[in-house]
Amino acid sequence: MNIAKTNVNFTGKQEIIYGLKKAAQEAKTIELNRSYAFGPRPMRREAEIYEAKGALNAYTDMVTKDSKFNTAIKEIAADKALTKELGETLQAKDVPYGKINPLGEFVKSFSESLKKNKVAALADDVKTFFQNIKM
């Protein structure tokens, strides 16, 4: 990945970590915007939800299409600090008019991206990654 505006230039594991963190943030944004539709004065946030879904899908595609994904997902699943950070971002929370669960949106998008890109990653490694995030 090379972003000329910010001079960010990295590939491999660093790019995958960046994509996972941004995808987690977008999943949280989707759920927060969805929660605004409930309550005594609902707010319409469909545009923000669709924008965040597009970004979430783009980040998960970026992660799963990376050539180093198969080896990096094993290392990332074993990295307790990173999985804890992702788990905190994706943690279910109570909001004034319900409960949000960004992890569900994240897992759904990640799984769809794996199927769409026909990634040959070991299912056990991805399963371990999701289990470590849930902790």
Protein backbone atom coordinates (compact mmCIF):
# COMPACT_ATOMS: atom_id res chain seq x y z
CA MET A 1 0.00 0.00 0.00
CA ASN A 2 1.34 3.42 -0.90
CA ILE A 3 -0.66 6.48 0.00
CA ALA A 4 0.97 9.53 -1.52
CA LYS A 5 -0.87 12.09 0.63
CA THR A 6 0.35 10.70 3.95
CA ASN A 7 3.52 8.98 2.77
CA VAL A 8 2.40 5.68 4.25
CA ASN A 9 4.21 2.84 2.56
CA PHE A 10 3.98 -0.68 3.89
CA THR A 11 3.10 -4.18 2.76
CA GLY A 12 2.62 -7.60 4.23
CA LYS A 13 1.84 -7.99 7.90
CA GLN A 14 1.76 -4.23 8.60
CA GLU A 15 -0.78 -3.69 5.84
CA ILE A 16 -2.93 -6.53 7.15
CA ILE A 17 -2.84 -5.14 10.69
CA TYR A 18 -3.76 -1.68 9.39
CA GLY A 19 -6.66 -3.13 7.39
CA LEU A 20 -7.96 -5.14 10.34
CA LYS A 21 -7.89 -2.13 12.65
CA LYS A 22 -9.66 0.09 10.12
CA ALA A 23 -12.22 -2.64 9.37
CA ALA A 24 -12.96 -2.96 13.08
CA GLN A 25 -13.50 0.79 13.34
CA GLU A 26 -15.85 0.75 10.35
CA ALA A 27 -17.85 -2.16 11.81
CA LYS A 28 -18.27 -0.15 15.01
CA THR A 29 -19.36 2.90 12.98
CA ILE A 30 -21.99 0.81 11.19
CA GLU A 31 -23.47 -0.43 14.44
CA LEU A 32 -23.43 2.99 16.10
CA ASN A 33 -25.19 4.59 13.14
CA ARG A 34 -27.71 1.75 13.08
CA SER A 35 -28.48 2.36 16.75
CA TYR A 36 -29.57 5.95 16.00
CA ALA A 37 -32.67 4.58 14.22
CA PHE A 38 -34.20 3.56 17.56
CA GLY A 39 -35.62 5.64 20.35
CA PRO A 40 -38.16 8.40 20.74
CA ARG A 41 -36.50 10.59 18.07
CA PRO A 42 -34.99 8.25 15.47
CA MET A 43 -32.36 9.62 13.13
CA ARG A 44 -31.88 8.45 9.57
CA ARG A 45 -28.29 7.37 9.04
CA GLU A 46 -28.56 5.12 5.99
CA ALA A 47 -25.99 7.11 4.00
CA GLU A 48 -23.43 6.83 6.79
CA ILE A 49 -24.16 3.11 7.17
CA TYR A 50 -23.67 2.44 3.45
CA GLU A 51 -20.48 4.49 3.42
CA ALA A 52 -19.07 2.57 6.38
CA LYS A 53 -20.13 -0.77 4.84
CA GLY A 54 -18.28 0.12 1.65
CA ALA A 55 -15.17 1.00 3.63
CA LEU A 56 -15.48 -2.18 5.72
CA ASN A 57 -15.74 -4.34 2.60
CA ALA A 58 -12.78 -2.52 1.01
CA TYR A 59 -10.59 -3.08 4.07
CA THR A 60 -11.50 -6.75 4.39
CA ASP A 61 -10.83 -7.25 0.66
CA MET A 62 -7.46 -5.51 1.05
CA VAL A 63 -6.57 -7.82 3.94
CA THR A 64 -7.64 -11.07 2.31
CA LYS A 65 -6.11 -10.28 -1.09
CA ASP A 66 -2.67 -9.61 0.38
CA SER A 67 -0.11 -12.22 -0.69
CA LYS A 68 1.17 -12.57 2.90
CA PHE A 69 -2.29 -13.19 4.41
CA ASN A 70 -1.85 -16.93 4.98
CA THR A 71 1.31 -16.51 7.05
CA ALA A 72 0.36 -13.23 8.71
CA ILE A 73 -3.00 -14.41 10.06
CA LYS A 74 -1.19 -17.05 12.15
CA GLU A 75 1.11 -14.44 13.68
CA ILE A 76 -1.73 -11.97 14.23
CA ALA A 77 -3.90 -14.62 15.92
CA ALA A 78 -1.03 -15.32 18.32
CA ASP A 79 -0.42 -11.62 19.07
CA LYS A 80 -2.35 -11.09 22.31
CA ALA A 81 -1.95 -7.30 22.36
CA LEU A 82 -3.36 -6.85 18.85
CA THR A 83 -6.26 -9.25 19.34
CA LYS A 84 -7.09 -7.53 22.63
CA GLU A 85 -7.12 -4.13 20.88
CA LEU A 86 -9.37 -5.46 18.11
CA GLY A 87 -11.59 -7.16 20.70
CA GLU A 88 -12.04 -3.88 22.59
CA THR A 89 -13.02 -2.08 19.39
CA LEU A 90 -15.47 -4.83 18.43
CA GLN A 91 -16.89 -5.33 21.93
CA ALA A 92 -20.66 -5.40 22.32
CA LYS A 93 -21.90 -2.30 24.14
CA ASP A 94 -25.12 -1.00 25.55
CA VAL A 95 -26.27 2.25 23.98
CA PRO A 96 -29.29 4.29 25.12
CA TYR A 97 -31.83 2.38 22.99
CA GLY A 98 -30.36 -1.07 22.62
CA LYS A 99 -27.14 -2.98 22.24
CA ILE A 100 -24.61 -2.85 19.43
CA ASN A 101 -22.47 -5.79 18.31
CA PRO A 102 -19.79 -4.71 15.83
CA LEU A 103 -18.14 -8.14 15.93
CA GLY A 104 -21.03 -9.67 14.01
CA GLU A 105 -20.70 -7.15 11.18
CA PHE A 106 -16.89 -7.60 11.13
CA VAL A 107 -17.06 -11.40 10.99
CA LYS A 108 -19.76 -11.32 8.31
CA SER A 109 -17.75 -9.00 6.05
CA PHE A 110 -14.49 -10.87 6.68
CA SER A 111 -16.11 -14.25 5.91
CA GLU A 112 -17.72 -12.93 2.71
CA SER A 113 -14.37 -11.53 1.60
CA LEU A 114 -12.63 -14.85 2.24
CA LYS A 115 -15.24 -16.68 0.15
CA LYS A 116 -15.27 -14.08 -2.63
CA ASN A 117 -11.48 -13.98 -2.96
CA LYS A 118 -11.18 -17.77 -2.63
CA VAL A 119 -8.45 -17.46 -0.05
CA ALA A 120 -6.73 -20.73 0.74
CA ALA A 121 -6.07 -19.78 4.35
CA LEU A 122 -6.39 -22.51 6.89
CA ALA A 123 -9.81 -22.41 8.46
CA ASP A 124 -8.27 -23.20 11.86
CA ASP A 125 -6.10 -20.07 11.74
CA VAL A 126 -9.04 -17.80 10.92
CA LYS A 127 -11.17 -19.53 13.57
CA THR A 128 -8.38 -19.01 16.15
CA PHE A 129 -8.15 -15.36 15.12
CA PHE A 130 -11.90 -14.82 15.69
CA GLN A 131 -11.83 -16.71 19.01
CA ASN A 132 -8.92 -14.59 20.26
CA ILE A 133 -10.79 -11.41 19.35
CA LYS A 134 -13.88 -12.55 21.28
CA MET A 135 -11.91 -13.01 24.50
